[in-house]
Amino acid sequence: MKTRCLIAVAFGMLLGVVTACEKQATAPEGPNPSDKPETAAHKVELPFQNLSFEAACKKAKAENKAVFLDFYTVWCGPCKQLDKTTFKDKKVQAWLAEKTIAIKVDAEKHKDIAKRYHVSAYPTLLFVKADGTEIGRNTGYASAERFLTQSAKHLGPATAEDDEPATAGEHPAADADNSEKPATDAGDTKEEPATAPDQNRER
């Protein structure tokens, strides 16, 4: 009788172990972070490169170029307008590719870089040397032609004569000493850049 009881107990334990193994083998795997779709905030499109600031500086030094930093926030209306219009322009893309290593910087995620360059208005478009020394900056939305005119003051016009950005009658706004103030172009349709994270957020 004792032998039969022991056999029954042993069989029950073995059955429990087998059932536990089967459950473990068939349990669904958790989500793999690498399988998550890329969000719009992480996409990098021309003329920008998917590089950190440090990597951009190294590449700029190797290629004898400047670094162009587009400081933006996800709630900034003029920043989105730049992406939809100015940075889609072929001449702007060619000029930036010729002169710079261009990167985008989310000012709310990379507060250390924004603080380093005293950035508080968005968009702020900053040109720096490979060693990090500031060359100049533009602030606020600008059309493609105006962007090229303003930026040529910092790095010079495009090499090709037919890509000369300057056009008659344009008067670029002052930049180096007015990083806190939005550029005001009478001919451009734009929103006032926010000067503080809690103001003018787009919902």
N, C-alpha and C. Protein backbone atom coordinates (compact mmCIF):
# COMPACT_ATOMS: atom_id res chain seq x y z
N MET A 1 0.82 -1.20 0.00
CA MET A 1 0.00 0.00 0.00
C MET A 1 0.86 1.26 0.00
N LYS A 2 1.87 1.24 0.85
CA LYS A 2 2.80 2.37 0.90
C LYS A 2 3.49 2.57 -0.44
N THR A 3 3.84 1.43 -1.07
CA THR A 3 4.53 1.52 -2.37
C THR A 3 3.65 2.19 -3.40
N ARG A 4 2.35 1.79 -3.40
CA ARG A 4 1.43 2.39 -4.37
C ARG A 4 1.26 3.89 -4.13
N CYS A 5 1.20 4.27 -2.87
CA CYS A 5 1.07 5.70 -2.54
C CYS A 5 2.29 6.50 -3.00
N LEU A 6 3.48 5.90 -2.78
CA LEU A 6 4.70 6.58 -3.21
C LEU A 6 4.75 6.74 -4.72
N ILE A 7 4.30 5.65 -5.43
CA ILE A 7 4.28 5.71 -6.89
C ILE A 7 3.31 6.80 -7.36
N ALA A 8 2.13 6.87 -6.72
CA ALA A 8 1.14 7.88 -7.10
C ALA A 8 1.65 9.28 -6.87
N VAL A 9 2.33 9.49 -5.72
CA VAL A 9 2.89 10.80 -5.41
C VAL A 9 3.96 11.19 -6.43
N ALA A 10 4.84 10.23 -6.75
CA ALA A 10 5.92 10.49 -7.70
C ALA A 10 5.35 10.82 -9.08
N PHE A 11 4.30 10.08 -9.49
CA PHE A 11 3.67 10.32 -10.79
C PHE A 11 3.04 11.71 -10.84
N GLY A 12 2.41 12.08 -9.73
CA GLY A 12 1.79 13.40 -9.66
C GLY A 12 2.81 14.51 -9.76
N MET A 13 3.95 14.34 -9.08
CA MET A 13 5.00 15.36 -9.14
C MET A 13 5.58 15.47 -10.54
N LEU A 14 5.78 14.30 -11.20
CA LEU A 14 6.32 14.29 -12.55
C LEU A 14 5.36 14.99 -13.51
N LEU A 15 4.05 14.71 -13.35
CA LEU A 15 3.05 15.33 -14.22
C LEU A 15 3.04 16.85 -14.04
N GLY A 16 3.22 17.30 -12.79
CA GLY A 16 3.25 18.74 -12.53
C GLY A 16 4.45 19.41 -13.17
N VAL A 17 5.60 18.74 -13.12
CA VAL A 17 6.81 19.30 -13.74
C VAL A 17 6.64 19.41 -15.24
N VAL A 18 6.08 18.35 -15.87
CA VAL A 18 5.88 18.36 -17.33
C VAL A 18 4.92 19.47 -17.73
N THR A 19 3.83 19.66 -16.98
CA THR A 19 2.85 20.71 -17.28
C THR A 19 3.48 22.08 -17.17
N ALA A 20 4.30 22.29 -16.14
CA ALA A 20 4.96 23.58 -15.96
C ALA A 20 5.91 23.88 -17.11
N CYS A 21 6.62 22.86 -17.58
CA CYS A 21 7.55 23.04 -18.70
C CYS A 21 6.80 23.41 -19.98
N GLU A 22 5.63 22.74 -20.19
CA GLU A 22 4.85 23.02 -21.39
C GLU A 22 4.33 24.45 -21.36
N LYS A 23 3.88 24.92 -20.18
CA LYS A 23 3.40 26.29 -20.07
C LYS A 23 4.50 27.29 -20.34
N GLN A 24 5.69 26.99 -19.83
CA GLN A 24 6.82 27.90 -20.04
C GLN A 24 7.22 27.95 -21.50
N ALA A 25 7.15 26.78 -22.17
CA ALA A 25 7.56 26.73 -23.58
C ALA A 25 6.58 27.46 -24.48
N THR A 26 5.28 27.45 -24.09
CA THR A 26 4.27 28.07 -24.95
C THR A 26 3.92 29.49 -24.52
N ALA A 27 4.54 30.00 -23.46
CA ALA A 27 4.23 31.36 -23.01
C ALA A 27 4.66 32.36 -24.06
N PRO A 28 3.81 33.34 -24.38
CA PRO A 28 4.16 34.35 -25.40
C PRO A 28 5.32 35.22 -24.93
N GLU A 29 6.19 35.57 -25.86
CA GLU A 29 7.33 36.41 -25.53
C GLU A 29 6.88 37.85 -25.39
N GLY A 30 7.56 38.59 -24.54
CA GLY A 30 7.25 40.00 -24.36
C GLY A 30 7.66 40.79 -25.59
N PRO A 31 7.18 42.01 -25.70
CA PRO A 31 7.51 42.84 -26.87
C PRO A 31 8.99 43.16 -26.93
N ASN A 32 9.52 43.11 -28.12
CA ASN A 32 10.92 43.42 -28.35
C ASN A 32 11.04 44.90 -28.67
N PRO A 33 11.78 45.65 -27.86
CA PRO A 33 11.88 47.09 -28.10
C PRO A 33 12.32 47.43 -29.51
N SER A 34 13.15 46.58 -30.12
CA SER A 34 13.64 46.86 -31.47
C SER A 34 12.56 46.72 -32.52
N ASP A 35 11.42 46.08 -32.15
CA ASP A 35 10.34 45.90 -33.11
C ASP A 35 9.40 47.09 -33.15
N LYS A 36 9.58 48.04 -32.26
CA LYS A 36 8.69 49.20 -32.24
C LYS A 36 8.90 50.04 -33.48
N PRO A 37 7.81 50.52 -34.09
CA PRO A 37 7.96 51.36 -35.28
C PRO A 37 8.64 52.66 -34.95
N GLU A 38 9.37 53.17 -35.90
CA GLU A 38 10.06 54.44 -35.70
C GLU A 38 9.04 55.56 -35.69
N THR A 39 9.12 56.43 -34.68
CA THR A 39 8.18 57.53 -34.59
C THR A 39 8.67 58.71 -35.41
N ALA A 40 7.75 59.61 -35.72
CA ALA A 40 8.09 60.77 -36.55
C ALA A 40 9.18 61.61 -35.90
N ALA A 41 9.16 61.66 -34.55
CA ALA A 41 10.14 62.50 -33.85
C ALA A 41 11.56 61.99 -34.04
N HIS A 42 11.73 60.69 -34.37
CA HIS A 42 13.06 60.12 -34.51
C HIS A 42 13.53 60.06 -35.96
N LYS A 43 12.66 60.40 -36.89
CA LYS A 43 13.06 60.34 -38.29
C LYS A 43 13.97 61.51 -38.63
N VAL A 44 15.00 61.22 -39.40
CA VAL A 44 15.93 62.26 -39.83
C VAL A 44 15.93 62.27 -41.35
N GLU A 45 15.56 63.40 -41.93
CA GLU A 45 15.49 63.53 -43.38
C GLU A 45 16.49 64.56 -43.86
N LEU A 46 16.83 64.48 -45.14
CA LEU A 46 17.73 65.46 -45.73
C LEU A 46 17.17 66.86 -45.51
N PRO A 47 18.05 67.82 -45.26
CA PRO A 47 19.52 67.78 -45.36
C PRO A 47 20.23 67.36 -44.08
N PHE A 48 19.49 66.79 -43.13
CA PHE A 48 20.09 66.48 -41.83
C PHE A 48 20.65 65.06 -41.77
N GLN A 49 21.60 64.88 -40.87
CA GLN A 49 22.23 63.58 -40.67
C GLN A 49 21.93 63.08 -39.26
N ASN A 50 21.82 61.78 -39.12
CA ASN A 50 21.49 61.17 -37.84
C ASN A 50 22.77 61.01 -37.01
N LEU A 51 23.25 62.11 -36.47
CA LEU A 51 24.50 62.13 -35.72
C LEU A 51 24.31 62.88 -34.41
N SER A 52 25.08 62.51 -33.42
CA SER A 52 25.14 63.29 -32.19
C SER A 52 25.95 64.55 -32.47
N PHE A 53 25.89 65.51 -31.56
CA PHE A 53 26.65 66.74 -31.73
C PHE A 53 28.15 66.44 -31.79
N GLU A 54 28.60 65.56 -30.91
CA GLU A 54 30.03 65.22 -30.89
C GLU A 54 30.45 64.56 -32.20
N ALA A 55 29.63 63.63 -32.70
CA ALA A 55 29.97 62.95 -33.96
C ALA A 55 29.94 63.93 -35.13
N ALA A 56 29.00 64.87 -35.09
CA ALA A 56 28.91 65.87 -36.16
C ALA A 56 30.16 66.75 -36.18
N CYS A 57 30.66 67.11 -35.00
CA CYS A 57 31.87 67.93 -34.92
C CYS A 57 33.08 67.18 -35.48
N LYS A 58 33.18 65.90 -35.17
CA LYS A 58 34.29 65.09 -35.68
C LYS A 58 34.23 64.99 -37.20
N LYS A 59 33.03 64.77 -37.72
CA LYS A 59 32.87 64.65 -39.17
C LYS A 59 33.13 65.99 -39.85
N ALA A 60 32.70 67.06 -39.22
CA ALA A 60 32.94 68.39 -39.78
C ALA A 60 34.43 68.70 -39.85
N LYS A 61 35.16 68.30 -38.83
CA LYS A 61 36.61 68.52 -38.83
C LYS A 61 37.28 67.73 -39.94
N ALA A 62 36.85 66.48 -40.12
CA ALA A 62 37.44 65.63 -41.15
C ALA A 62 37.14 66.15 -42.56
N GLU A 63 35.98 66.77 -42.73
CA GLU A 63 35.57 67.24 -44.05
C GLU A 63 35.76 68.74 -44.24
N ASN A 64 36.37 69.38 -43.23
CA ASN A 64 36.63 70.83 -43.29
C ASN A 64 35.34 71.61 -43.52
N LYS A 65 34.33 71.31 -42.71
CA LYS A 65 33.04 71.98 -42.81
C LYS A 65 32.65 72.54 -41.44
N ALA A 66 31.56 73.29 -41.43
CA ALA A 66 30.97 73.76 -40.18
C ALA A 66 29.88 72.78 -39.75
N VAL A 67 29.38 72.96 -38.54
CA VAL A 67 28.24 72.17 -38.07
C VAL A 67 27.03 73.10 -38.02
N PHE A 68 25.92 72.63 -38.56
CA PHE A 68 24.67 73.38 -38.53
C PHE A 68 23.71 72.67 -37.59
N LEU A 69 23.24 73.40 -36.57
CA LEU A 69 22.33 72.83 -35.59
C LEU A 69 20.97 73.51 -35.69
N ASP A 70 19.95 72.73 -35.96
CA ASP A 70 18.57 73.23 -35.98
C ASP A 70 17.95 72.93 -34.62
N PHE A 71 17.92 73.93 -33.74
CA PHE A 71 17.31 73.76 -32.43
C PHE A 71 15.80 73.92 -32.56
N TYR A 72 15.05 72.87 -32.17
CA TYR A 72 13.60 72.88 -32.32
C TYR A 72 12.96 72.27 -31.08
N THR A 73 11.64 72.38 -31.01
CA THR A 73 10.85 71.63 -30.03
C THR A 73 9.67 71.01 -30.78
N VAL A 74 9.08 69.99 -30.21
CA VAL A 74 7.99 69.28 -30.89
C VAL A 74 6.74 70.13 -30.98
N TRP A 75 6.61 71.18 -30.15
CA TRP A 75 5.41 72.02 -30.16
C TRP A 75 5.60 73.33 -30.91
N CYS A 76 6.75 73.50 -31.53
CA CYS A 76 7.09 74.77 -32.20
C CYS A 76 6.51 74.82 -33.61
N GLY A 77 5.57 75.73 -33.85
CA GLY A 77 4.96 75.87 -35.17
C GLY A 77 5.93 76.30 -36.26
N PRO A 78 6.71 77.37 -36.06
CA PRO A 78 7.67 77.80 -37.08
C PRO A 78 8.71 76.72 -37.41
N CYS A 79 9.06 75.89 -36.42
CA CYS A 79 10.00 74.79 -36.67
C CYS A 79 9.42 73.80 -37.67
N LYS A 80 8.15 73.46 -37.48
CA LYS A 80 7.48 72.53 -38.39
C LYS A 80 7.35 73.13 -39.78
N GLN A 81 7.12 74.45 -39.84
CA GLN A 81 7.01 75.12 -41.13
C GLN A 81 8.34 75.09 -41.88
N LEU A 82 9.44 75.25 -41.16
CA LEU A 82 10.77 75.13 -41.78
C LEU A 82 10.95 73.75 -42.40
N ASP A 83 10.56 72.72 -41.66
CA ASP A 83 10.71 71.34 -42.15
C ASP A 83 9.87 71.11 -43.41
N LYS A 84 8.68 71.70 -43.46
CA LYS A 84 7.77 71.47 -44.58
C LYS A 84 8.15 72.25 -45.83
N THR A 85 8.82 73.38 -45.65
CA THR A 85 9.10 74.26 -46.80
C THR A 85 10.59 74.48 -47.03
N THR A 86 11.20 75.26 -46.17
CA THR A 86 12.59 75.69 -46.38
C THR A 86 13.57 74.54 -46.52
N PHE A 87 13.49 73.56 -45.62
CA PHE A 87 14.44 72.45 -45.66
C PHE A 87 14.12 71.43 -46.75
N LYS A 88 13.00 71.60 -47.43
CA LYS A 88 12.68 70.75 -48.59
C LYS A 88 13.24 71.35 -49.88
N ASP A 89 13.66 72.59 -49.82
CA ASP A 89 14.17 73.28 -51.01
C ASP A 89 15.50 72.70 -51.45
N LYS A 90 15.63 72.41 -52.73
CA LYS A 90 16.84 71.77 -53.26
C LYS A 90 18.07 72.65 -53.09
N LYS A 91 17.94 73.96 -53.27
CA LYS A 91 19.09 74.84 -53.13
C LYS A 91 19.55 74.90 -51.67
N VAL A 92 18.59 74.91 -50.76
CA VAL A 92 18.94 74.89 -49.33
C VAL A 92 19.65 73.60 -48.98
N GLN A 93 19.14 72.49 -49.45
CA GLN A 93 19.77 71.19 -49.17
C GLN A 93 21.17 71.13 -49.76
N ALA A 94 21.34 71.63 -50.99
CA ALA A 94 22.67 71.61 -51.62
C ALA A 94 23.65 72.51 -50.87
N TRP A 95 23.20 73.69 -50.46
CA TRP A 95 24.07 74.62 -49.74
C TRP A 95 24.50 74.03 -48.40
N LEU A 96 23.56 73.46 -47.66
CA LEU A 96 23.90 72.87 -46.36
C LEU A 96 24.84 71.68 -46.53
N ALA A 97 24.61 70.87 -47.56
CA ALA A 97 25.48 69.71 -47.79
C ALA A 97 26.90 70.16 -48.16
N GLU A 98 27.01 71.25 -48.91
CA GLU A 98 28.33 71.76 -49.33
C GLU A 98 29.09 72.38 -48.17
N LYS A 99 28.37 73.11 -47.31
CA LYS A 99 29.03 73.91 -46.29
C LYS A 99 29.08 73.27 -44.90
N THR A 100 28.14 72.38 -44.62
CA THR A 100 27.98 71.95 -43.22
C THR A 100 27.71 70.46 -43.06
N ILE A 101 27.82 70.04 -41.82
CA ILE A 101 27.24 68.78 -41.35
C ILE A 101 26.02 69.21 -40.55
N ALA A 102 24.84 68.93 -41.07
CA ALA A 102 23.60 69.45 -40.48
C ALA A 102 22.95 68.41 -39.57
N ILE A 103 22.56 68.85 -38.38
CA ILE A 103 21.87 67.95 -37.44
C ILE A 103 20.71 68.71 -36.80
N LYS A 104 19.71 67.97 -36.33
CA LYS A 104 18.59 68.54 -35.60
C LYS A 104 18.80 68.28 -34.11
N VAL A 105 18.45 69.26 -33.29
CA VAL A 105 18.63 69.15 -31.85
C VAL A 105 17.31 69.49 -31.16
N ASP A 106 16.70 68.50 -30.51
CA ASP A 106 15.51 68.75 -29.71
C ASP A 106 15.97 69.47 -28.44
N ALA A 107 15.64 70.73 -28.33
CA ALA A 107 16.16 71.55 -27.23
C ALA A 107 15.66 71.11 -25.87
N GLU A 108 14.53 70.41 -25.82
CA GLU A 108 14.01 69.95 -24.54
C GLU A 108 14.62 68.63 -24.11
N LYS A 109 15.17 67.88 -25.05
CA LYS A 109 15.85 66.63 -24.71
C LYS A 109 17.35 66.85 -24.50
N HIS A 110 17.90 67.82 -25.19
CA HIS A 110 19.34 68.09 -25.11
C HIS A 110 19.53 69.49 -24.51
N LYS A 111 19.09 69.62 -23.27
CA LYS A 111 19.14 70.92 -22.61
C LYS A 111 20.56 71.40 -22.40
N ASP A 112 21.50 70.46 -22.29
CA ASP A 112 22.89 70.85 -22.07
C ASP A 112 23.44 71.62 -23.27
N ILE A 113 23.09 71.16 -24.49
CA ILE A 113 23.58 71.85 -25.68
C ILE A 113 22.87 73.19 -25.84
N ALA A 114 21.56 73.21 -25.60
CA ALA A 114 20.81 74.46 -25.70
C ALA A 114 21.33 75.49 -24.70
N LYS A 115 21.63 75.03 -23.50
CA LYS A 115 22.15 75.94 -22.47
C LYS A 115 23.54 76.44 -22.84
N ARG A 116 24.34 75.56 -23.39
CA ARG A 116 25.71 75.94 -23.78
C ARG A 116 25.70 77.12 -24.75
N TYR A 117 24.72 77.12 -25.68
CA TYR A 117 24.67 78.17 -26.70
C TYR A 117 23.57 79.20 -26.42
N HIS A 118 23.05 79.20 -25.19
CA HIS A 118 22.07 80.20 -24.76
C HIS A 118 20.87 80.26 -25.71
N VAL A 119 20.34 79.09 -26.03
CA VAL A 119 19.19 79.00 -26.93
C VAL A 119 17.90 78.99 -26.13
N SER A 120 16.99 79.94 -26.43
CA SER A 120 15.70 79.95 -25.75
C SER A 120 14.56 80.31 -26.70
N ALA A 121 14.87 80.64 -27.95
CA ALA A 121 13.85 80.92 -28.96
C ALA A 121 13.94 79.86 -30.04
N TYR A 122 12.78 79.47 -30.54
CA TYR A 122 12.75 78.38 -31.51
C TYR A 122 11.96 78.79 -32.76
N PRO A 123 12.47 78.42 -33.92
CA PRO A 123 13.74 77.72 -34.12
C PRO A 123 14.95 78.66 -34.01
N THR A 124 16.03 78.11 -33.50
CA THR A 124 17.33 78.78 -33.56
C THR A 124 18.22 77.93 -34.45
N LEU A 125 18.77 78.56 -35.46
CA LEU A 125 19.60 77.86 -36.46
C LEU A 125 21.04 78.32 -36.26
N LEU A 126 21.84 77.43 -35.75
CA LEU A 126 23.18 77.79 -35.27
C LEU A 126 24.27 77.19 -36.15
N PHE A 127 25.28 78.00 -36.44
CA PHE A 127 26.45 77.55 -37.18
C PHE A 127 27.65 77.60 -36.25
N VAL A 128 28.36 76.48 -36.11
CA VAL A 128 29.53 76.44 -35.26
C VAL A 128 30.70 75.77 -36.00
N LYS A 129 31.89 76.09 -35.54
CA LYS A 129 33.08 75.43 -36.08
C LYS A 129 33.17 74.01 -35.52
N ALA A 130 34.07 73.24 -36.08
CA ALA A 130 34.23 71.85 -35.63
C ALA A 130 34.65 71.76 -34.17
N ASP A 131 35.27 72.82 -33.66
CA ASP A 131 35.67 72.82 -32.24
C ASP A 131 34.56 73.33 -31.33
N GLY A 132 33.40 73.64 -31.89
CA GLY A 132 32.27 74.09 -31.10
C GLY A 132 32.12 75.58 -30.98
N THR A 133 33.05 76.35 -31.52
CA THR A 133 32.97 77.81 -31.46
C THR A 133 31.86 78.33 -32.36
N GLU A 134 31.02 79.18 -31.82
CA GLU A 134 29.91 79.71 -32.61
C GLU A 134 30.39 80.64 -33.72
N ILE A 135 29.81 80.45 -34.91
CA ILE A 135 30.09 81.31 -36.05
C ILE A 135 29.00 82.37 -36.19
N GLY A 136 27.75 81.94 -36.07
CA GLY A 136 26.62 82.84 -36.20
C GLY A 136 25.33 82.06 -36.06
N ARG A 137 24.22 82.79 -36.06
CA ARG A 137 22.92 82.14 -35.90
C ARG A 137 21.83 82.93 -36.59
N ASN A 138 20.75 82.21 -36.95
CA ASN A 138 19.51 82.80 -37.42
C ASN A 138 18.42 82.36 -36.46
N THR A 139 17.39 83.19 -36.28
CA THR A 139 16.26 82.79 -35.45
C THR A 139 14.95 83.04 -36.20
N GLY A 140 13.97 82.21 -35.93
CA GLY A 140 12.66 82.38 -36.54
C GLY A 140 12.55 81.70 -37.89
N TYR A 141 11.33 81.65 -38.38
CA TYR A 141 11.09 81.06 -39.70
C TYR A 141 11.60 81.98 -40.80
N ALA A 142 12.12 81.37 -41.86
CA ALA A 142 12.54 82.13 -43.05
C ALA A 142 12.28 81.27 -44.27
N SER A 143 11.90 81.91 -45.36
CA SER A 143 11.74 81.20 -46.63
C SER A 143 13.09 80.69 -47.09
N ALA A 144 13.09 79.87 -48.11
CA ALA A 144 14.35 79.29 -48.61
C ALA A 144 15.32 80.39 -49.06
N GLU A 145 14.84 81.36 -49.81
CA GLU A 145 15.72 82.43 -50.30
C GLU A 145 16.28 83.26 -49.15
N ARG A 146 15.42 83.56 -48.22
CA ARG A 146 15.88 84.37 -47.09
C ARG A 146 16.85 83.58 -46.21
N PHE A 147 16.59 82.30 -46.01
CA PHE A 147 17.51 81.46 -45.25
C PHE A 147 18.90 81.47 -45.89
N LEU A 148 18.95 81.32 -47.20
CA LEU A 148 20.24 81.30 -47.89
C LEU A 148 20.93 82.65 -47.79
N THR A 149 20.16 83.72 -47.89
CA THR A 149 20.75 85.06 -47.78
C THR A 149 21.33 85.29 -46.39
N GLN A 150 20.55 84.92 -45.37
CA GLN A 150 21.02 85.09 -44.00
C GLN A 150 22.24 84.22 -43.71
N SER A 151 22.17 82.97 -44.15
CA SER A 151 23.22 82.00 -43.81
C SER A 151 24.51 82.27 -44.56
N ALA A 152 24.41 82.86 -45.75
CA ALA A 152 25.61 83.19 -46.52
C ALA A 152 26.48 84.21 -45.78
N LYS A 153 25.87 84.99 -44.88
CA LYS A 153 26.65 85.94 -44.08
C LYS A 153 27.61 85.22 -43.15
N HIS A 154 27.27 83.98 -42.79
CA HIS A 154 28.09 83.22 -41.85
C HIS A 154 29.13 82.36 -42.56
N LEU A 155 28.72 81.72 -43.67
CA LEU A 155 29.60 80.74 -44.33
C LEU A 155 29.88 81.04 -45.79
N GLY A 156 29.31 82.10 -46.33
CA GLY A 156 29.52 82.42 -47.72
C GLY A 156 28.47 81.79 -48.62
N PRO A 157 28.33 82.30 -49.85
CA PRO A 157 27.33 81.76 -50.78
C PRO A 157 27.74 80.40 -51.32
N ALA A 158 26.83 79.79 -52.04
CA ALA A 158 27.14 78.52 -52.68
C ALA A 158 28.25 78.71 -53.70
N THR A 159 29.01 77.65 -53.94
CA THR A 159 30.13 77.73 -54.88
C THR A 159 29.66 78.01 -56.29
N ALA A 160 28.62 77.30 -56.73
CA ALA A 160 28.11 77.50 -58.09
C ALA A 160 27.47 78.87 -58.19
N GLU A 161 27.78 79.58 -59.26
CA GLU A 161 27.29 80.94 -59.44
C GLU A 161 25.78 80.99 -59.52
N ASP A 162 25.16 79.97 -60.14
CA ASP A 162 23.72 79.99 -60.30
C ASP A 162 22.99 79.65 -59.01
N ASP A 163 23.73 79.28 -57.96
CA ASP A 163 23.11 79.00 -56.67
C ASP A 163 23.25 80.17 -55.71
N GLU A 164 23.71 81.33 -56.24
CA GLU A 164 23.89 82.50 -55.40
C GLU A 164 22.59 82.84 -54.69
N PRO A 165 22.57 82.82 -53.34
CA PRO A 165 21.32 82.99 -52.62
C PRO A 165 20.79 84.42 -52.56
N ALA A 166 21.67 85.44 -52.69
CA ALA A 166 21.24 86.81 -52.49
C ALA A 166 20.30 87.23 -53.60
N THR A 167 19.22 87.92 -53.24
CA THR A 167 18.28 88.44 -54.23
C THR A 167 18.02 89.90 -53.93
N ALA A 168 17.75 90.67 -54.99
CA ALA A 168 17.58 92.10 -54.84
C ALA A 168 16.40 92.42 -53.94
N GLY A 169 16.59 93.43 -53.10
CA GLY A 169 15.48 93.91 -52.27
C GLY A 169 15.34 93.21 -50.94
N GLU A 170 16.16 92.21 -50.65
CA GLU A 170 16.04 91.51 -49.38
C GLU A 170 16.94 92.16 -48.34
N HIS A 171 16.46 92.22 -47.12
CA HIS A 171 17.22 92.82 -46.03
C HIS A 171 17.20 91.86 -44.86
N PRO A 172 18.17 90.93 -44.78
CA PRO A 172 18.16 89.94 -43.70
C PRO A 172 18.22 90.59 -42.33
N ALA A 173 17.53 89.97 -41.41
CA ALA A 173 17.49 90.49 -40.04
C ALA A 173 18.81 90.24 -39.34
N ALA A 174 19.13 91.10 -38.38
CA ALA A 174 20.33 90.87 -37.58
C ALA A 174 20.17 89.57 -36.83
N ASP A 175 21.32 88.86 -36.63
CA ASP A 175 21.21 87.54 -36.03
C ASP A 175 22.02 87.35 -34.77
N ALA A 176 23.32 87.66 -34.79
CA ALA A 176 24.20 87.24 -33.72
C ALA A 176 23.77 87.78 -32.36
N ASP A 177 23.24 89.03 -32.33
CA ASP A 177 22.92 89.63 -31.05
C ASP A 177 21.44 89.54 -30.72
N ASN A 178 20.66 88.84 -31.53
CA ASN A 178 19.22 88.79 -31.32
C ASN A 178 18.69 87.38 -31.27
N SER A 179 19.42 86.48 -30.61
CA SER A 179 19.00 85.09 -30.55
C SER A 179 17.73 84.90 -29.74
N GLU A 180 17.41 85.88 -28.85
CA GLU A 180 16.21 85.75 -28.03
C GLU A 180 14.97 86.27 -28.76
N LYS A 181 15.17 86.97 -29.88
CA LYS A 181 14.05 87.61 -30.54
C LYS A 181 13.73 86.90 -31.86
N PRO A 182 12.45 86.77 -32.19
CA PRO A 182 12.08 86.15 -33.47
C PRO A 182 12.39 87.08 -34.62
N ALA A 183 12.79 86.49 -35.75
CA ALA A 183 12.98 87.28 -36.95
C ALA A 183 11.61 87.69 -37.45
N THR A 184 11.48 88.95 -37.94
CA THR A 184 10.19 89.43 -38.42
C THR A 184 10.32 89.83 -39.87
N ASP A 185 9.87 88.95 -40.76
CA ASP A 185 9.90 89.21 -42.19
C ASP A 185 8.51 89.58 -42.65
N ALA A 186 8.34 90.77 -43.21
CA ALA A 186 7.02 91.19 -43.65
C ALA A 186 6.50 90.30 -44.76
N GLY A 187 7.40 89.73 -45.55
CA GLY A 187 6.98 88.93 -46.70
C GLY A 187 6.77 87.47 -46.38
N ASP A 188 7.12 87.04 -45.20
CA ASP A 188 7.00 85.62 -44.86
C ASP A 188 5.83 85.39 -43.93
N THR A 189 5.11 84.32 -44.13
CA THR A 189 4.04 83.94 -43.24
C THR A 189 4.62 83.02 -42.18
N LYS A 190 4.57 83.46 -40.93
CA LYS A 190 5.17 82.66 -39.89
C LYS A 190 4.55 82.97 -38.55
N GLU A 191 4.82 82.13 -37.59
CA GLU A 191 4.37 82.36 -36.23
C GLU A 191 5.54 82.90 -35.42
N GLU A 192 5.19 83.57 -34.33
CA GLU A 192 6.23 84.07 -33.45
C GLU A 192 6.90 82.90 -32.74
N PRO A 193 8.23 82.80 -32.77
CA PRO A 193 8.89 81.72 -32.04
C PRO A 193 8.68 81.87 -30.55
N ALA A 194 8.44 80.76 -29.86
CA ALA A 194 8.26 80.81 -28.42
C ALA A 194 9.60 81.06 -27.75
N THR A 195 9.57 81.82 -26.67
CA THR A 195 10.81 82.09 -25.93
C THR A 195 10.87 81.33 -24.62
N ALA A 196 9.82 80.56 -24.30
CA ALA A 196 9.82 79.74 -23.10
C ALA A 196 9.02 78.47 -23.37
N PRO A 197 9.45 77.34 -22.82
CA PRO A 197 8.78 76.07 -23.09
C PRO A 197 7.31 76.06 -22.76
N ASP A 198 6.84 76.91 -21.83
CA ASP A 198 5.44 76.85 -21.39
C ASP A 198 4.55 77.80 -22.18
N GLN A 199 5.12 78.52 -23.16
CA GLN A 199 4.33 79.48 -23.91
C GLN A 199 4.09 79.00 -25.32
N ASN A 200 2.86 79.24 -25.80
CA ASN A 200 2.50 79.00 -27.20
C ASN A 200 2.67 77.56 -27.64
N ARG A 201 2.50 76.62 -26.74
CA ARG A 201 2.58 75.21 -27.14
C ARG A 201 1.41 74.90 -28.04
N GLU A 202 1.69 74.13 -29.07
CA GLU A 202 0.62 73.66 -29.94
C GLU A 202 0.04 72.40 -29.34
N ARG A 203 -1.25 72.34 -29.24
CA ARG A 203 -1.90 71.15 -28.69
C ARG A 203 -2.28 70.20 -29.81
